[in-house]
N, C-alpha and C. Protein backbone atom coordinates (compact mmCIF):
# COMPACT_ATOMS: atom_id res chain seq x y z
N MET A 1 47.54 24.48 39.57
CA MET A 1 46.99 24.73 38.26
C MET A 1 45.82 25.70 38.41
N ARG A 2 45.76 26.69 37.57
CA ARG A 2 44.71 27.70 37.61
C ARG A 2 43.69 27.39 36.53
N ILE A 3 42.41 27.27 36.91
CA ILE A 3 41.34 26.96 35.97
C ILE A 3 40.53 28.21 35.74
N LEU A 4 40.27 28.51 34.48
CA LEU A 4 39.45 29.66 34.14
C LEU A 4 38.19 29.19 33.42
N MET A 5 37.06 29.78 33.80
CA MET A 5 35.82 29.56 33.08
C MET A 5 35.47 30.88 32.41
N LEU A 6 35.16 30.87 31.14
CA LEU A 6 34.88 32.09 30.41
C LEU A 6 33.43 32.11 29.99
N GLY A 7 32.84 33.30 30.02
CA GLY A 7 31.48 33.49 29.55
C GLY A 7 31.36 34.85 28.89
N ILE A 8 30.48 34.99 27.94
CA ILE A 8 30.28 36.26 27.24
C ILE A 8 29.45 37.18 28.12
N VAL A 9 29.86 38.45 28.20
CA VAL A 9 29.14 39.46 28.96
C VAL A 9 28.65 40.52 27.99
N ALA A 10 27.37 40.59 27.77
CA ALA A 10 26.72 41.64 26.97
C ALA A 10 27.38 41.85 25.61
N GLY A 11 27.97 40.84 25.06
CA GLY A 11 28.53 40.92 23.72
C GLY A 11 29.78 41.77 23.59
N ILE A 12 30.32 42.29 24.70
CA ILE A 12 31.47 43.19 24.59
C ILE A 12 32.69 42.72 25.36
N GLY A 13 32.56 41.67 26.08
CA GLY A 13 33.71 41.21 26.84
C GLY A 13 33.51 39.82 27.34
N LEU A 14 34.50 39.33 28.05
CA LEU A 14 34.42 38.00 28.63
C LEU A 14 34.50 38.12 30.14
N LEU A 15 33.80 37.27 30.83
CA LEU A 15 33.88 37.21 32.27
C LEU A 15 34.67 35.96 32.61
N ALA A 16 35.79 36.15 33.27
CA ALA A 16 36.65 35.02 33.63
C ALA A 16 36.43 34.70 35.09
N THR A 17 36.16 33.44 35.38
CA THR A 17 35.99 32.99 36.76
C THR A 17 37.09 31.99 37.07
N THR A 18 37.86 32.28 38.11
CA THR A 18 38.95 31.39 38.49
C THR A 18 38.42 30.28 39.39
N ALA A 19 39.26 29.29 39.63
CA ALA A 19 38.86 28.15 40.45
C ALA A 19 38.46 28.57 41.86
N ASN A 20 39.03 29.66 42.36
CA ASN A 20 38.67 30.11 43.71
C ASN A 20 37.46 31.05 43.73
N GLY A 21 36.78 31.21 42.60
CA GLY A 21 35.54 31.97 42.55
C GLY A 21 35.69 33.45 42.24
N GLN A 22 36.92 33.95 42.06
CA GLN A 22 37.09 35.35 41.72
C GLN A 22 36.74 35.57 40.26
N THR A 23 36.20 36.76 39.97
CA THR A 23 35.84 37.06 38.58
C THR A 23 36.58 38.30 38.11
N ASP A 24 36.91 38.30 36.84
CA ASP A 24 37.54 39.44 36.19
C ASP A 24 36.90 39.60 34.82
N THR A 25 36.72 40.84 34.41
CA THR A 25 36.26 41.08 33.05
C THR A 25 37.47 41.17 32.16
N VAL A 26 37.48 40.42 31.10
CA VAL A 26 38.56 40.43 30.15
C VAL A 26 38.11 41.27 28.96
N ALA A 27 38.81 42.37 28.71
CA ALA A 27 38.40 43.29 27.64
C ALA A 27 38.46 42.60 26.29
N GLN A 28 37.44 42.84 25.51
CA GLN A 28 37.38 42.31 24.16
C GLN A 28 36.54 43.26 23.33
N GLU A 29 37.04 43.67 22.20
CA GLU A 29 36.29 44.57 21.34
C GLU A 29 35.20 43.79 20.62
N CYS A 30 34.14 44.50 20.26
CA CYS A 30 33.10 43.91 19.44
C CYS A 30 33.72 43.50 18.11
N LYS A 31 33.53 42.28 17.76
CA LYS A 31 34.13 41.78 16.52
C LYS A 31 33.22 41.98 15.32
N SER A 32 31.92 42.20 15.60
CA SER A 32 31.00 42.40 14.47
C SER A 32 30.49 43.83 14.51
N SER A 33 30.35 44.43 13.33
CA SER A 33 29.78 45.78 13.30
C SER A 33 28.26 45.63 13.31
N ALA A 34 27.62 46.58 13.92
CA ALA A 34 26.17 46.53 14.03
C ALA A 34 25.53 46.79 12.68
N ASN A 35 24.51 46.04 12.39
CA ASN A 35 23.71 46.29 11.20
C ASN A 35 22.55 47.18 11.62
N LEU A 36 22.73 48.48 11.43
CA LEU A 36 21.73 49.44 11.87
C LEU A 36 20.60 49.54 10.85
N PRO A 37 19.38 49.69 11.34
CA PRO A 37 18.28 49.93 10.41
C PRO A 37 18.48 51.28 9.70
N ARG A 38 17.87 51.44 8.56
CA ARG A 38 18.04 52.63 7.72
C ARG A 38 17.86 53.93 8.50
N GLU A 39 16.86 53.99 9.39
CA GLU A 39 16.59 55.24 10.11
C GLU A 39 17.69 55.61 11.12
N LEU A 40 18.55 54.65 11.47
CA LEU A 40 19.65 54.92 12.41
C LEU A 40 21.01 54.96 11.72
N ALA A 41 21.03 54.95 10.41
CA ALA A 41 22.28 54.83 9.64
C ALA A 41 23.27 55.97 9.93
N SER A 42 22.80 57.16 10.25
CA SER A 42 23.73 58.29 10.47
C SER A 42 24.42 58.21 11.82
N TRP A 43 24.10 57.20 12.63
CA TRP A 43 24.70 57.07 13.97
C TRP A 43 26.23 57.11 13.90
N SER A 44 26.80 56.51 12.89
CA SER A 44 28.27 56.41 12.81
C SER A 44 28.92 57.66 12.23
N ALA A 45 28.14 58.67 11.84
CA ALA A 45 28.70 59.91 11.29
C ALA A 45 28.00 61.13 11.91
N PRO A 46 28.15 61.32 13.24
CA PRO A 46 27.44 62.44 13.88
C PRO A 46 28.09 63.79 13.57
N VAL A 47 27.27 64.83 13.62
CA VAL A 47 27.76 66.20 13.47
C VAL A 47 27.85 66.83 14.87
N ALA A 48 28.74 67.79 15.03
CA ALA A 48 28.93 68.45 16.33
C ALA A 48 27.74 69.34 16.67
N VAL A 49 27.25 69.20 17.91
CA VAL A 49 26.11 69.98 18.40
C VAL A 49 26.41 70.36 19.85
N ARG A 50 25.99 71.54 20.26
CA ARG A 50 26.16 71.98 21.65
C ARG A 50 24.79 72.11 22.27
N ALA A 51 24.60 71.49 23.43
CA ALA A 51 23.34 71.59 24.17
C ALA A 51 23.24 72.96 24.82
N ALA A 52 22.04 73.52 24.85
CA ALA A 52 21.80 74.81 25.50
C ALA A 52 21.69 74.61 27.00
N MET A 53 21.91 75.70 27.74
CA MET A 53 21.80 75.65 29.20
C MET A 53 20.48 76.23 29.69
N ALA A 54 19.74 76.91 28.79
CA ALA A 54 18.45 77.50 29.17
C ALA A 54 17.56 77.59 27.94
N ILE A 55 16.27 77.63 28.17
CA ILE A 55 15.31 77.67 27.07
C ILE A 55 15.49 78.92 26.21
N GLY A 56 15.95 80.03 26.82
CA GLY A 56 16.15 81.27 26.09
C GLY A 56 17.24 81.19 25.03
N SER A 57 18.19 80.28 25.21
CA SER A 57 19.28 80.14 24.23
C SER A 57 19.08 78.93 23.32
N LEU A 58 17.90 78.35 23.38
CA LEU A 58 17.61 77.15 22.60
C LEU A 58 17.19 77.51 21.18
N ARG A 59 17.76 76.81 20.21
CA ARG A 59 17.35 76.93 18.82
C ARG A 59 16.64 75.63 18.45
N TYR A 60 15.74 75.69 17.52
CA TYR A 60 14.97 74.49 17.17
C TYR A 60 15.47 73.82 15.91
N SER A 61 16.76 73.94 15.66
CA SER A 61 17.31 73.22 14.52
C SER A 61 18.62 72.51 14.79
N PRO A 62 19.16 72.52 16.01
CA PRO A 62 20.44 71.83 16.20
C PRO A 62 20.35 70.34 15.90
N LEU A 63 19.27 69.71 16.27
CA LEU A 63 19.10 68.29 15.95
C LEU A 63 18.19 68.17 14.74
N GLN A 64 18.73 67.67 13.68
CA GLN A 64 17.94 67.43 12.48
C GLN A 64 17.41 66.00 12.53
N ILE A 65 16.16 65.81 12.20
CA ILE A 65 15.59 64.46 12.18
C ILE A 65 16.41 63.60 11.23
N GLY A 66 16.86 62.47 11.74
CA GLY A 66 17.62 61.52 10.92
C GLY A 66 19.12 61.76 10.88
N GLN A 67 19.61 62.82 11.52
CA GLN A 67 21.05 63.10 11.54
C GLN A 67 21.56 63.03 12.98
N ALA A 68 22.47 62.11 13.25
CA ALA A 68 23.03 61.98 14.59
C ALA A 68 23.86 63.21 14.94
N GLY A 69 23.83 63.56 16.22
CA GLY A 69 24.63 64.67 16.71
C GLY A 69 25.57 64.20 17.81
N GLN A 70 26.81 64.64 17.76
CA GLN A 70 27.76 64.42 18.85
C GLN A 70 27.59 65.63 19.75
N VAL A 71 26.84 65.45 20.85
CA VAL A 71 26.36 66.57 21.64
C VAL A 71 27.27 66.86 22.83
N ALA A 72 27.77 68.10 22.89
CA ALA A 72 28.53 68.58 24.04
C ALA A 72 27.52 69.00 25.10
N LEU A 73 27.63 68.40 26.29
CA LEU A 73 26.70 68.67 27.38
C LEU A 73 27.31 69.66 28.37
N ASN A 74 26.50 70.10 29.31
CA ASN A 74 26.90 71.08 30.32
C ASN A 74 26.79 70.45 31.70
N PRO A 75 27.49 71.01 32.70
CA PRO A 75 27.26 70.53 34.06
C PRO A 75 25.77 70.70 34.40
N VAL A 76 25.15 69.66 34.90
CA VAL A 76 23.71 69.71 35.16
C VAL A 76 23.36 70.83 36.15
N SER A 77 24.29 71.18 37.03
CA SER A 77 24.05 72.25 37.99
C SER A 77 23.91 73.62 37.31
N ALA A 78 24.41 73.77 36.08
CA ALA A 78 24.33 75.04 35.36
C ALA A 78 23.13 75.10 34.41
N VAL A 79 22.43 74.00 34.22
CA VAL A 79 21.31 73.96 33.27
C VAL A 79 20.03 74.40 33.97
N ARG A 80 19.29 75.30 33.32
CA ARG A 80 17.98 75.73 33.83
C ARG A 80 16.92 74.99 33.02
N PHE A 81 16.52 73.83 33.52
CA PHE A 81 15.54 73.01 32.84
C PHE A 81 14.16 73.67 32.89
N PRO A 82 13.43 73.70 31.76
CA PRO A 82 12.09 74.29 31.78
C PRO A 82 11.12 73.49 32.67
N LEU A 83 11.30 72.19 32.71
CA LEU A 83 10.55 71.32 33.62
C LEU A 83 11.56 70.50 34.40
N ARG A 84 11.26 70.27 35.65
CA ARG A 84 12.16 69.45 36.46
C ARG A 84 12.28 68.07 35.83
N PRO A 85 13.51 67.61 35.53
CA PRO A 85 13.67 66.28 34.94
C PRO A 85 13.11 65.21 35.88
N GLU A 86 12.49 64.20 35.29
CA GLU A 86 11.94 63.12 36.10
C GLU A 86 13.05 62.45 36.90
N LYS A 87 14.23 62.32 36.27
CA LYS A 87 15.41 61.77 36.95
C LYS A 87 16.60 62.64 36.59
N ALA A 88 17.00 63.48 37.51
CA ALA A 88 18.07 64.43 37.23
C ALA A 88 19.45 63.79 37.26
N GLY A 89 19.61 62.71 38.00
CA GLY A 89 20.92 62.07 38.10
C GLY A 89 21.79 62.78 39.11
N ALA A 90 23.06 62.46 39.11
CA ALA A 90 24.03 63.01 40.07
C ALA A 90 24.23 64.50 39.84
N LEU A 91 24.47 65.21 40.93
CA LEU A 91 24.70 66.66 40.84
C LEU A 91 25.92 67.01 40.01
N ASP A 92 26.88 66.08 39.92
CA ASP A 92 28.07 66.34 39.11
C ASP A 92 27.92 65.78 37.70
N GLY A 93 26.70 65.38 37.33
CA GLY A 93 26.45 64.85 36.00
C GLY A 93 26.34 65.97 34.96
N HIS A 94 25.98 65.57 33.75
CA HIS A 94 25.89 66.50 32.64
C HIS A 94 24.53 66.41 31.97
N GLY A 95 24.16 67.50 31.32
CA GLY A 95 22.87 67.55 30.65
C GLY A 95 22.76 68.78 29.78
N GLY A 96 21.55 69.04 29.35
CA GLY A 96 21.32 70.21 28.51
C GLY A 96 20.00 70.10 27.79
N LEU A 97 19.77 71.09 26.94
CA LEU A 97 18.54 71.20 26.18
C LEU A 97 18.86 71.23 24.70
N LEU A 98 18.06 70.52 23.93
CA LEU A 98 18.20 70.52 22.48
C LEU A 98 16.82 70.70 21.87
N GLY A 99 16.77 71.46 20.80
CA GLY A 99 15.50 71.64 20.10
C GLY A 99 15.49 70.84 18.82
N PHE A 100 14.30 70.38 18.45
CA PHE A 100 14.16 69.73 17.15
C PHE A 100 12.78 69.99 16.61
N GLN A 101 12.68 69.99 15.29
CA GLN A 101 11.45 70.30 14.57
C GLN A 101 10.92 69.02 13.93
N VAL A 102 9.68 68.67 14.23
CA VAL A 102 9.04 67.49 13.64
C VAL A 102 8.19 67.96 12.46
N PRO A 103 8.47 67.46 11.25
CA PRO A 103 7.74 67.91 10.07
C PRO A 103 6.37 67.26 9.87
N ARG A 104 6.23 66.00 10.36
CA ARG A 104 4.94 65.31 10.14
C ARG A 104 4.68 64.30 11.24
N THR A 105 3.43 64.00 11.42
CA THR A 105 3.00 63.08 12.46
C THR A 105 3.60 61.70 12.24
N GLY A 106 4.03 61.06 13.33
CA GLY A 106 4.56 59.71 13.23
C GLY A 106 5.21 59.26 14.52
N LYS A 107 5.82 58.08 14.45
CA LYS A 107 6.59 57.55 15.56
C LYS A 107 8.04 57.99 15.38
N TYR A 108 8.60 58.51 16.47
CA TYR A 108 9.97 58.98 16.44
C TYR A 108 10.76 58.29 17.54
N ARG A 109 11.99 57.93 17.21
CA ARG A 109 12.87 57.23 18.15
C ARG A 109 14.04 58.14 18.50
N ILE A 110 14.33 58.23 19.79
CA ILE A 110 15.49 58.98 20.25
C ILE A 110 16.51 57.95 20.74
N ALA A 111 17.68 57.96 20.12
CA ALA A 111 18.75 57.04 20.47
C ALA A 111 19.84 57.82 21.20
N LEU A 112 20.34 57.25 22.30
CA LEU A 112 21.39 57.88 23.10
C LEU A 112 22.58 56.95 23.21
N GLY A 113 23.77 57.54 23.22
CA GLY A 113 25.00 56.76 23.31
C GLY A 113 25.50 56.55 24.72
N THR A 114 24.80 57.06 25.72
CA THR A 114 25.23 56.91 27.10
C THR A 114 24.01 56.76 28.00
N ALA A 115 24.25 56.33 29.21
CA ALA A 115 23.17 56.27 30.19
C ALA A 115 22.84 57.70 30.58
N ALA A 116 21.63 58.12 30.33
CA ALA A 116 21.16 59.45 30.69
C ALA A 116 19.64 59.40 30.69
N TRP A 117 19.03 60.39 31.30
CA TRP A 117 17.58 60.48 31.31
C TRP A 117 17.17 61.51 30.27
N ILE A 118 16.12 61.24 29.52
CA ILE A 118 15.60 62.22 28.58
C ILE A 118 14.14 62.49 28.87
N ASP A 119 13.75 63.73 28.63
CA ASP A 119 12.36 64.14 28.64
C ASP A 119 12.14 64.88 27.33
N VAL A 120 11.02 64.58 26.66
CA VAL A 120 10.64 65.32 25.47
C VAL A 120 9.50 66.24 25.88
N LEU A 121 9.68 67.54 25.62
CA LEU A 121 8.70 68.54 26.02
C LEU A 121 8.04 69.16 24.80
N HIS A 122 6.74 69.43 24.94
CA HIS A 122 5.98 70.11 23.89
C HIS A 122 4.90 70.94 24.56
N ASP A 123 4.82 72.20 24.20
CA ASP A 123 3.83 73.11 24.79
C ASP A 123 3.88 73.11 26.32
N GLY A 124 5.08 73.05 26.88
CA GLY A 124 5.25 73.13 28.32
C GLY A 124 4.97 71.86 29.10
N HIS A 125 4.77 70.74 28.40
CA HIS A 125 4.46 69.47 29.07
C HIS A 125 5.45 68.39 28.64
N ALA A 126 5.76 67.50 29.57
CA ALA A 126 6.57 66.33 29.25
C ALA A 126 5.67 65.28 28.60
N LEU A 127 6.15 64.68 27.53
CA LEU A 127 5.39 63.66 26.82
C LEU A 127 5.69 62.28 27.37
N ILE A 128 4.75 61.39 27.21
CA ILE A 128 4.91 60.01 27.67
C ILE A 128 5.45 59.18 26.52
N SER A 129 6.50 58.43 26.79
CA SER A 129 7.09 57.58 25.75
C SER A 129 6.19 56.37 25.50
N THR A 130 6.36 55.78 24.33
CA THR A 130 5.56 54.60 23.96
C THR A 130 6.36 53.31 24.03
N ARG A 131 7.69 53.41 24.07
CA ARG A 131 8.54 52.22 24.08
C ARG A 131 9.94 52.59 24.52
N HIS A 132 10.61 51.65 25.21
CA HIS A 132 12.01 51.80 25.63
C HIS A 132 12.77 50.55 25.19
N GLY A 133 14.01 50.70 24.87
CA GLY A 133 14.81 49.54 24.52
C GLY A 133 16.28 49.89 24.46
N HIS A 134 17.08 48.90 24.14
CA HIS A 134 18.52 49.07 23.97
C HIS A 134 18.83 49.07 22.48
N GLY A 135 19.97 49.64 22.13
CA GLY A 135 20.39 49.63 20.75
C GLY A 135 20.92 48.28 20.34
N PRO A 136 21.08 48.08 19.04
CA PRO A 136 21.65 46.81 18.55
C PRO A 136 23.03 46.57 19.14
N ASP A 137 23.37 45.31 19.37
CA ASP A 137 24.70 44.96 19.88
C ASP A 137 25.77 45.58 18.99
N CYS A 138 26.83 46.04 19.62
CA CYS A 138 28.00 46.60 18.95
C CYS A 138 27.73 47.90 18.20
N SER A 139 26.58 48.55 18.45
CA SER A 139 26.25 49.79 17.73
C SER A 139 26.72 51.04 18.44
N GLY A 140 26.94 50.96 19.76
CA GLY A 140 27.26 52.14 20.54
C GLY A 140 26.01 52.86 21.03
N ILE A 141 24.84 52.37 20.66
CA ILE A 141 23.58 52.96 21.13
C ILE A 141 23.24 52.32 22.46
N HIS A 142 23.24 53.15 23.51
CA HIS A 142 22.96 52.65 24.86
C HIS A 142 21.48 52.40 25.07
N LYS A 143 20.64 53.35 24.63
CA LYS A 143 19.20 53.18 24.80
C LYS A 143 18.45 53.90 23.72
N MET A 144 17.21 53.43 23.51
CA MET A 144 16.32 54.05 22.53
C MET A 144 14.95 54.22 23.19
N VAL A 145 14.34 55.38 22.95
CA VAL A 145 13.03 55.70 23.52
C VAL A 145 12.16 56.23 22.39
N ASP A 146 10.94 55.68 22.26
CA ASP A 146 10.02 56.06 21.19
C ASP A 146 8.91 56.97 21.70
N PHE A 147 8.47 57.88 20.81
CA PHE A 147 7.39 58.81 21.11
C PHE A 147 6.50 58.95 19.88
N ASP A 148 5.22 59.16 20.09
CA ASP A 148 4.29 59.53 19.02
C ASP A 148 4.26 61.06 19.00
N LEU A 149 4.70 61.64 17.88
CA LEU A 149 4.81 63.09 17.79
C LEU A 149 4.06 63.63 16.58
N GLY A 150 3.51 64.82 16.75
CA GLY A 150 2.88 65.53 15.64
C GLY A 150 3.79 66.66 15.19
N PRO A 151 3.41 67.35 14.11
CA PRO A 151 4.25 68.45 13.63
C PRO A 151 4.42 69.52 14.70
N GLY A 152 5.63 70.10 14.76
CA GLY A 152 5.87 71.18 15.71
C GLY A 152 7.28 71.18 16.25
N GLN A 153 7.50 72.09 17.20
CA GLN A 153 8.80 72.24 17.84
C GLN A 153 8.79 71.51 19.17
N TYR A 154 9.89 70.80 19.45
CA TYR A 154 10.03 70.01 20.67
C TYR A 154 11.35 70.34 21.34
N THR A 155 11.37 70.16 22.66
CA THR A 155 12.58 70.34 23.43
C THR A 155 12.96 69.01 24.04
N LEU A 156 14.20 68.64 23.86
CA LEU A 156 14.74 67.42 24.45
C LEU A 156 15.60 67.83 25.64
N GLN A 157 15.20 67.38 26.84
CA GLN A 157 15.97 67.61 28.06
C GLN A 157 16.81 66.37 28.31
N ILE A 158 18.10 66.57 28.52
CA ILE A 158 19.01 65.47 28.84
C ILE A 158 19.55 65.74 30.24
N SER A 159 19.51 64.74 31.09
CA SER A 159 20.05 64.91 32.44
C SER A 159 20.68 63.59 32.89
N GLY A 160 21.60 63.71 33.83
CA GLY A 160 22.17 62.52 34.45
C GLY A 160 23.21 61.79 33.63
N SER A 161 23.79 62.43 32.63
CA SER A 161 24.85 61.79 31.85
C SER A 161 26.18 61.93 32.58
N GLU A 162 26.89 60.84 32.75
CA GLU A 162 28.21 60.94 33.35
C GLU A 162 29.21 61.60 32.40
N PRO A 163 29.29 61.13 31.13
CA PRO A 163 30.21 61.77 30.19
C PRO A 163 29.75 63.19 29.83
N GLU A 164 30.71 64.01 29.43
CA GLU A 164 30.43 65.39 29.02
C GLU A 164 29.88 65.49 27.62
N GLU A 165 29.89 64.41 26.88
CA GLU A 165 29.27 64.43 25.55
C GLU A 165 28.71 63.05 25.24
N THR A 166 27.75 63.05 24.34
CA THR A 166 27.12 61.81 23.93
C THR A 166 26.57 61.97 22.52
N THR A 167 26.36 60.86 21.86
CA THR A 167 25.72 60.88 20.56
C THR A 167 24.22 60.75 20.76
N ILE A 168 23.46 61.56 20.03
CA ILE A 168 22.00 61.54 20.10
C ILE A 168 21.47 61.57 18.67
N LEU A 169 20.42 60.80 18.43
CA LEU A 169 19.78 60.77 17.13
C LEU A 169 18.27 60.74 17.33
N VAL A 170 17.56 61.65 16.66
CA VAL A 170 16.10 61.62 16.61
C VAL A 170 15.75 61.15 15.21
N ALA A 171 15.02 60.04 15.11
CA ALA A 171 14.71 59.48 13.79
C ALA A 171 13.24 59.11 13.70
N ARG A 172 12.65 59.33 12.56
CA ARG A 172 11.28 58.87 12.30
C ARG A 172 11.38 57.40 11.96
N ILE A 173 10.51 56.60 12.56
CA ILE A 173 10.52 55.17 12.31
C ILE A 173 9.21 54.75 11.67
N ALA A 174 9.23 53.61 11.02
CA ALA A 174 8.03 53.11 10.36
C ALA A 174 6.95 52.85 11.40
N ASP A 175 5.72 53.18 11.04
CA ASP A 175 4.59 52.95 11.95
C ASP A 175 4.23 51.49 12.02
């Protein structure tokens, strides 16, 4: 007789343990849709965006505040980052540069759909984040990083993404 013990793994699957101690992940789709806060509502309807490979080809409007982008990334080996990424990731990973314009001072959250490293640059310097976290269960948001930003143009460096594309959203959040 085969005995299985089941346990929930990160809300997306089941971990099955047999009597002899072997484990298998049993695929299971999220049964509940994520209740996203208002500022992340566009996550489920991203627009197509292409990441730049160098600062010279960067435009400061591809990412609109509050509008998710389905971002096509580049091989990280082809990207000329203005500042060395704090964590570049694997040489065969993907990354790129995106520009965005902040209209007013506030707290801004950057949500990513995949494991990747981000740096937010302003006036040639990398900014320090104020908070890190994961997205709501079943949302598809892998991580969220918050920054205190003032009005101006910013560059988002993405590095170390395994997939060639990811969803990204820059949103102003309540203070």
